[in-house]
Structures are given as structure tokens and as C-alpha cells.
Amino acid sequence: MTTYNPNVYTIQKLGAPDWTAMRLCNDPTLFCYEHLEKICKQYDAQYVVDSEFDNNSCAIFYSSKPHPNSNSRYFAMYLDYETQQLLVTDGSFVEDQEFAGIIADNGDIIFSRSRYDYRVSDDESVWIDGGRDYTRRPLVSVDRLVRLTVHKGRLEAWFDND
């Protein structure tokens, strides 16, 4: 049985024919889909991406209403390993972050969310590691490299070679 994955986006490069459509794979690492759904419902928010905050992996969300103290629509949830508590903090830092991505032979775009997040494409044609601290990847043509950013709650892909 195939489960719908709300965090896989089909994108198309501007000006490119339909057959170049690609999937931006944004599967969560911190929470399962069931937990994400509950968090989104409780906070009237949508899941954006997993990233890092103060060397902690975190899940970033975008709320329909700004927080009264920070005035940010973003919030981040992460596990404090010392206390084993789930904490919430302002997640607006995500708009200042950039992720390196790579396009697989099957058209999937994969990216590493944090320092030790080693990713391999479903077709095993490419891999990427290092999050935003460094980028390790196979030697590929520059047209297979993308930059990913977040803007207004959306994960966006940028093709620099265009």
C-alpha cells in the first residue's frame, strides 16, 4: 500500500518541457507523519523542513498566525538531549539558511538537513551529506546541483546554472 507523502513536491524548471519535472523530497527525520499531522493541527501550522538549531536537529513549522512575542510565523521543535524534553523556539532563522541539493537520475532532488544527515536517492544514483556545515557529494555535472531556501513557509529550489 502506498501512502501519500505530503512532503514530496513536484516542481518544474521554468521554461523547461514537462518531461523535466522533478520531485523535491522533503521527508521528515524528527517526527513521523502521524506526529507531524497532530502538531500541525494543534498549532494551525504546516511542516516546512527539518534543519539544525544550536547543533540540535529540529523540525520547522509555519503557522497561519504570528506568535504574539516574536511576531514570527515560524517555530522550531527540537529535543533537548540533556533533559529529554521537547522544546519550542522561534524558527525564523530558517529563512537565513541555505541547503545544497542534488538531482538524481530519476529526477528526485535530495538534500542533507544537518551535519550527519547522509542521504541517498531512491534510485541510488547520487548521495549528499553535511547539511549546511559542509557538502559532500559525488562529482556530477553542475546542472544537477540546486540550492534550497525557505521563503514564507515554502521550501524553494534554485537552479543556478540557468
C-alpha atoms as a PDB file:
ATOM      1  CA  MET A   1       0.000   0.000   0.000  1.00  0.00           C
ATOM      2  CA  THR A   2       1.411   3.391  -0.982  1.00  0.00           C
ATOM      3  CA  THR A   3       0.967   6.215   1.500  1.00  0.00           C
ATOM      4  CA  TYR A   4       0.575   9.785   0.309  1.00  0.00           C
ATOM      5  CA  ASN A   5       3.615  11.811   1.270  1.00  0.00           C
ATOM      6  CA  PRO A   6       2.656  15.483   1.723  1.00  0.00           C
ATOM      7  CA  ASN A   7       6.323  16.484   1.788  1.00  0.00           C
ATOM      8  CA  VAL A   8       7.227  15.492  -1.762  1.00  0.00           C
ATOM      9  CA  TYR A   9       6.707  18.367  -4.169  1.00  0.00           C
ATOM     10  CA  THR A  10       6.667  18.080  -7.943  1.00  0.00           C
ATOM     11  CA  ILE A  11       8.461  21.037  -9.481  1.00  0.00           C
ATOM     12  CA  GLN A  12       9.352  22.059 -12.985  1.00  0.00           C
ATOM     13  CA  LYS A  13      12.181  24.283 -14.106  1.00  0.00           C
ATOM     14  CA  LEU A  14      10.831  27.470 -15.678  1.00  0.00           C
ATOM     15  CA  GLY A  15      10.934  27.289 -19.444  1.00  0.00           C
ATOM     16  CA  ALA A  16      11.631  23.539 -19.460  1.00  0.00           C
ATOM     17  CA  PRO A  17       9.414  20.924 -21.133  1.00  0.00           C
ATOM     18  CA  ASP A  18       7.098  18.751 -18.997  1.00  0.00           C
ATOM     19  CA  TRP A  19       9.409  15.744 -19.051  1.00  0.00           C
ATOM     20  CA  THR A  20      11.909  17.586 -16.859  1.00  0.00           C
ATOM     21  CA  ALA A  21       9.528  17.697 -13.874  1.00  0.00           C
ATOM     22  CA  MET A  22      11.339  16.776 -10.656  1.00  0.00           C
ATOM     23  CA  ARG A  23      10.340  15.757  -7.133  1.00  0.00           C
ATOM     24  CA  LEU A  24      11.704  17.750  -4.196  1.00  0.00           C
ATOM     25  CA  CYS A  25      11.957  15.074  -1.484  1.00  0.00           C
ATOM     26  CA  ASN A  26      11.403  16.673   1.914  1.00  0.00           C
ATOM     27  CA  ASP A  27      10.719  13.727   4.182  1.00  0.00           C
ATOM     28  CA  PRO A  28      10.898  14.492   7.911  1.00  0.00           C
ATOM     29  CA  THR A  29      13.552  12.993  10.171  1.00  0.00           C
ATOM     30  CA  LEU A  30      12.474  14.080  13.652  1.00  0.00           C
ATOM     31  CA  PHE A  31       8.775  13.184  13.603  1.00  0.00           C
ATOM     32  CA  CYS A  32       6.731  10.564  11.796  1.00  0.00           C
ATOM     33  CA  TYR A  33       3.876  11.751   9.561  1.00  0.00           C
ATOM     34  CA  GLU A  34       1.296  10.924  12.227  1.00  0.00           C
ATOM     35  CA  HIS A  35       3.039  13.189  14.759  1.00  0.00           C
ATOM     36  CA  LEU A  36       3.522  15.940  12.170  1.00  0.00           C
ATOM     37  CA  GLU A  37      -0.193  15.875  11.426  1.00  0.00           C
ATOM     38  CA  LYS A  38      -1.038  16.255  15.130  1.00  0.00           C
ATOM     39  CA  ILE A  39       1.445  19.130  15.607  1.00  0.00           C
ATOM     40  CA  CYS A  40       0.152  20.937  12.523  1.00  0.00           C
ATOM     41  CA  LYS A  41      -3.433  20.556  13.664  1.00  0.00           C
ATOM     42  CA  GLN A  42      -2.688  21.695  17.239  1.00  0.00           C
ATOM     43  CA  TYR A  43      -0.748  24.799  16.167  1.00  0.00           C
ATOM     44  CA  ASP A  44      -2.679  25.543  12.939  1.00  0.00           C
ATOM     45  CA  ALA A  45       0.601  25.258  11.048  1.00  0.00           C
ATOM     46  CA  GLN A  46       2.267  23.408   8.210  1.00  0.00           C
ATOM     47  CA  TYR A  47       5.514  21.453   8.307  1.00  0.00           C
ATOM     48  CA  VAL A  48       8.280  23.165   6.323  1.00  0.00           C
ATOM     49  CA  VAL A  49      11.584  21.307   6.712  1.00  0.00           C
ATOM     50  CA  ASP A  50      13.959  19.706   9.204  1.00  0.00           C
ATOM     51  CA  SER A  51      17.141  21.631   9.965  1.00  0.00           C
ATOM     52  CA  GLU A  52      19.518  22.414  12.849  1.00  0.00           C
ATOM     53  CA  PHE A  53      19.321  24.912  15.710  1.00  0.00           C
ATOM     54  CA  ASP A  54      22.266  25.260  18.131  1.00  0.00           C
ATOM     55  CA  ASN A  55      23.594  21.870  16.948  1.00  0.00           C
ATOM     56  CA  ASN A  56      20.204  20.229  17.593  1.00  0.00           C
ATOM     57  CA  SER A  57      18.105  18.706  14.844  1.00  0.00           C
ATOM     58  CA  CYS A  58      14.747  20.447  14.693  1.00  0.00           C
ATOM     59  CA  ALA A  59      11.518  20.454  12.718  1.00  0.00           C
ATOM     60  CA  ILE A  60      10.438  23.845  11.350  1.00  0.00           C
ATOM     61  CA  PHE A  61       6.776  24.800  11.043  1.00  0.00           C
ATOM     62  CA  TYR A  62       4.963  27.799   9.551  1.00  0.00           C
ATOM     63  CA  SER A  63       1.845  28.958  11.398  1.00  0.00           C
ATOM     64  CA  SER A  64      -1.153  30.770   9.998  1.00  0.00           C
ATOM     65  CA  LYS A  65      -0.813  33.366  12.788  1.00  0.00           C
ATOM     66  CA  PRO A  66       2.327  35.145  14.037  1.00  0.00           C
ATOM     67  CA  HIS A  67       3.484  34.415  17.575  1.00  0.00           C
ATOM     68  CA  PRO A  68       2.493  37.261  19.963  1.00  0.00           C
ATOM     69  CA  ASN A  69       6.031  37.678  21.383  1.00  0.00           C
ATOM     70  CA  SER A  70       8.310  37.102  18.393  1.00  0.00           C
ATOM     71  CA  ASN A  71       5.857  38.165  15.659  1.00  0.00           C
ATOM     72  CA  SER A  72       7.221  35.243  13.621  1.00  0.00           C
ATOM     73  CA  ARG A  73       5.044  32.685  11.861  1.00  0.00           C
ATOM     74  CA  TYR A  74       7.869  30.138  12.139  1.00  0.00           C
ATOM     75  CA  PHE A  75       8.512  27.894  15.103  1.00  0.00           C
ATOM     76  CA  ALA A  76      11.009  25.079  15.591  1.00  0.00           C
ATOM     77  CA  MET A  77      10.589  21.973  17.737  1.00  0.00           C
ATOM     78  CA  TYR A  78      13.610  20.029  18.961  1.00  0.00           C
ATOM     79  CA  LEU A  79      14.577  17.510  21.603  1.00  0.00           C
ATOM     80  CA  ASP A  80      16.835  18.739  24.417  1.00  0.00           C
ATOM     81  CA  TYR A  81      19.087  15.697  24.887  1.00  0.00           C
ATOM     82  CA  GLU A  82      20.080  16.641  28.444  1.00  0.00           C
ATOM     83  CA  THR A  83      16.523  16.962  29.784  1.00  0.00           C
ATOM     84  CA  GLN A  84      14.830  14.706  27.195  1.00  0.00           C
ATOM     85  CA  GLN A  85      12.163  17.391  26.755  1.00  0.00           C
ATOM     86  CA  LEU A  86      10.616  18.547  23.518  1.00  0.00           C
ATOM     87  CA  LEU A  87      11.196  22.301  23.254  1.00  0.00           C
ATOM     88  CA  VAL A  88       9.772  25.005  21.011  1.00  0.00           C
ATOM     89  CA  THR A  89      11.658  28.088  19.844  1.00  0.00           C
ATOM     90  CA  ASP A  90      11.400  30.799  17.192  1.00  0.00           C
ATOM     91  CA  GLY A  91      12.129  29.213  13.813  1.00  0.00           C
ATOM     92  CA  SER A  92      12.565  32.358  11.724  1.00  0.00           C
ATOM     93  CA  PHE A  93      16.278  31.518  11.355  1.00  0.00           C
ATOM     94  CA  VAL A  94      15.268  29.066   8.619  1.00  0.00           C
ATOM     95  CA  GLU A  95      14.844  31.885   6.071  1.00  0.00           C
ATOM     96  CA  ASP A  96      18.561  32.694   6.505  1.00  0.00           C
ATOM     97  CA  GLN A  97      19.611  29.116   5.806  1.00  0.00           C
ATOM     98  CA  GLU A  98      20.549  27.514   2.521  1.00  0.00           C
ATOM     99  CA  PHE A  99      20.701  23.804   1.745  1.00  0.00           C
ATOM    100  CA  ALA A 100      22.718  22.173  -1.030  1.00  0.00           C
ATOM    101  CA  GLY A 101      20.708  19.753  -3.139  1.00  0.00           C
ATOM    102  CA  ILE A 102      21.463  17.300  -5.901  1.00  0.00           C
ATOM    103  CA  ILE A 103      19.268  15.889  -8.683  1.00  0.00           C
ATOM    104  CA  ALA A 104      19.154  12.104  -9.068  1.00  0.00           C
ATOM    105  CA  ASP A 105      18.828  10.245 -12.361  1.00  0.00           C
ATOM    106  CA  ASN A 106      15.117   9.672 -11.658  1.00  0.00           C
ATOM    107  CA  GLY A 107      14.515  13.434 -11.204  1.00  0.00           C
ATOM    108  CA  ASP A 108      14.341  13.431  -7.396  1.00  0.00           C
ATOM    109  CA  ILE A 109      16.028  16.335  -5.610  1.00  0.00           C
ATOM    110  CA  ILE A 110      17.573  15.239  -2.330  1.00  0.00           C
ATOM    111  CA  PHE A 111      19.333  17.324   0.307  1.00  0.00           C
ATOM    112  CA  SER A 112      21.006  16.891   3.679  1.00  0.00           C
ATOM    113  CA  ARG A 113      19.257  18.617   6.572  1.00  0.00           C
ATOM    114  CA  SER A 114      22.029  18.521   9.183  1.00  0.00           C
ATOM    115  CA  ARG A 115      25.721  17.746   9.652  1.00  0.00           C
ATOM    116  CA  TYR A 116      25.387  13.941   9.898  1.00  0.00           C
ATOM    117  CA  ASP A 117      22.339  13.535   7.665  1.00  0.00           C
ATOM    118  CA  TYR A 118      23.645  11.303   4.854  1.00  0.00           C
ATOM    119  CA  ARG A 119      21.037  10.958   2.087  1.00  0.00           C
ATOM    120  CA  VAL A 120      20.929   8.595  -0.894  1.00  0.00           C
ATOM    121  CA  SER A 121      18.426   8.986  -3.716  1.00  0.00           C
ATOM    122  CA  ASP A 122      15.777   6.266  -4.165  1.00  0.00           C
ATOM    123  CA  ASP A 123      17.438   5.165  -7.408  1.00  0.00           C
ATOM    124  CA  GLU A 124      20.875   5.230  -5.668  1.00  0.00           C
ATOM    125  CA  SER A 125      22.389   7.388  -8.429  1.00  0.00           C
ATOM    126  CA  VAL A 126      23.506  10.226  -6.100  1.00  0.00           C
ATOM    127  CA  TRP A 127      24.076  10.982  -2.425  1.00  0.00           C
ATOM    128  CA  ILE A 128      24.676  14.082  -0.299  1.00  0.00           C
ATOM    129  CA  ASP A 129      25.909  14.746   3.234  1.00  0.00           C
ATOM    130  CA  GLY A 130      26.819  17.587   5.585  1.00  0.00           C
ATOM    131  CA  GLY A 131      23.734  19.746   5.958  1.00  0.00           C
ATOM    132  CA  ARG A 132      24.748  23.382   5.967  1.00  0.00           C
ATOM    133  CA  ASP A 133      28.130  22.797   7.678  1.00  0.00           C
ATOM    134  CA  TYR A 134      29.779  21.272   4.613  1.00  0.00           C
ATOM    135  CA  THR A 135      28.695  19.491   1.452  1.00  0.00           C
ATOM    136  CA  ARG A 136      29.952  16.083   0.390  1.00  0.00           C
ATOM    137  CA  ARG A 137      28.527  14.621  -2.806  1.00  0.00           C
ATOM    138  CA  PRO A 138      29.663  12.696  -5.870  1.00  0.00           C
ATOM    139  CA  LEU A 139      31.283  14.505  -8.766  1.00  0.00           C
ATOM    140  CA  VAL A 140      28.378  15.429 -11.057  1.00  0.00           C
ATOM    141  CA  SER A 141      27.596  17.948 -13.761  1.00  0.00           C
ATOM    142  CA  VAL A 142      26.799  21.444 -12.440  1.00  0.00           C
ATOM    143  CA  ASP A 143      23.297  21.235 -13.942  1.00  0.00           C
ATOM    144  CA  ARG A 144      22.460  18.581 -11.307  1.00  0.00           C
ATOM    145  CA  LEU A 145      23.180  20.918  -8.370  1.00  0.00           C
ATOM    146  CA  VAL A 146      20.485  23.058  -6.738  1.00  0.00           C
ATOM    147  CA  ARG A 147      20.219  25.437  -3.795  1.00  0.00           C
ATOM    148  CA  LEU A 148      17.238  25.161  -1.471  1.00  0.00           C
ATOM    149  CA  THR A 149      15.890  28.034   0.601  1.00  0.00           C
ATOM    150  CA  VAL A 150      12.753  28.712   2.625  1.00  0.00           C
ATOM    151  CA  HIS A 151      10.541  31.727   1.989  1.00  0.00           C
ATOM    152  CA  LYS A 152       7.092  32.374   3.505  1.00  0.00           C
ATOM    153  CA  GLY A 153       6.768  28.777   4.644  1.00  0.00           C
ATOM    154  CA  ARG A 154       7.771  27.227   1.299  1.00  0.00           C
ATOM    155  CA  LEU A 155      10.849  25.166   0.505  1.00  0.00           C
ATOM    156  CA  GLU A 156      12.153  26.523  -2.810  1.00  0.00           C
ATOM    157  CA  ALA A 157      14.664  25.090  -5.284  1.00  0.00           C
ATOM    158  CA  TRP A 158      17.067  27.333  -7.217  1.00  0.00           C
ATOM    159  CA  PHE A 159      18.851  26.190 -10.351  1.00  0.00           C
ATOM    160  CA  ASP A 160      21.962  28.377 -10.505  1.00  0.00           C
ATOM    161  CA  ASN A 161      23.137  27.185 -13.892  1.00  0.00           C
ATOM    162  CA  ASP A 162      20.144  28.748 -15.717  1.00  0.00           C
END
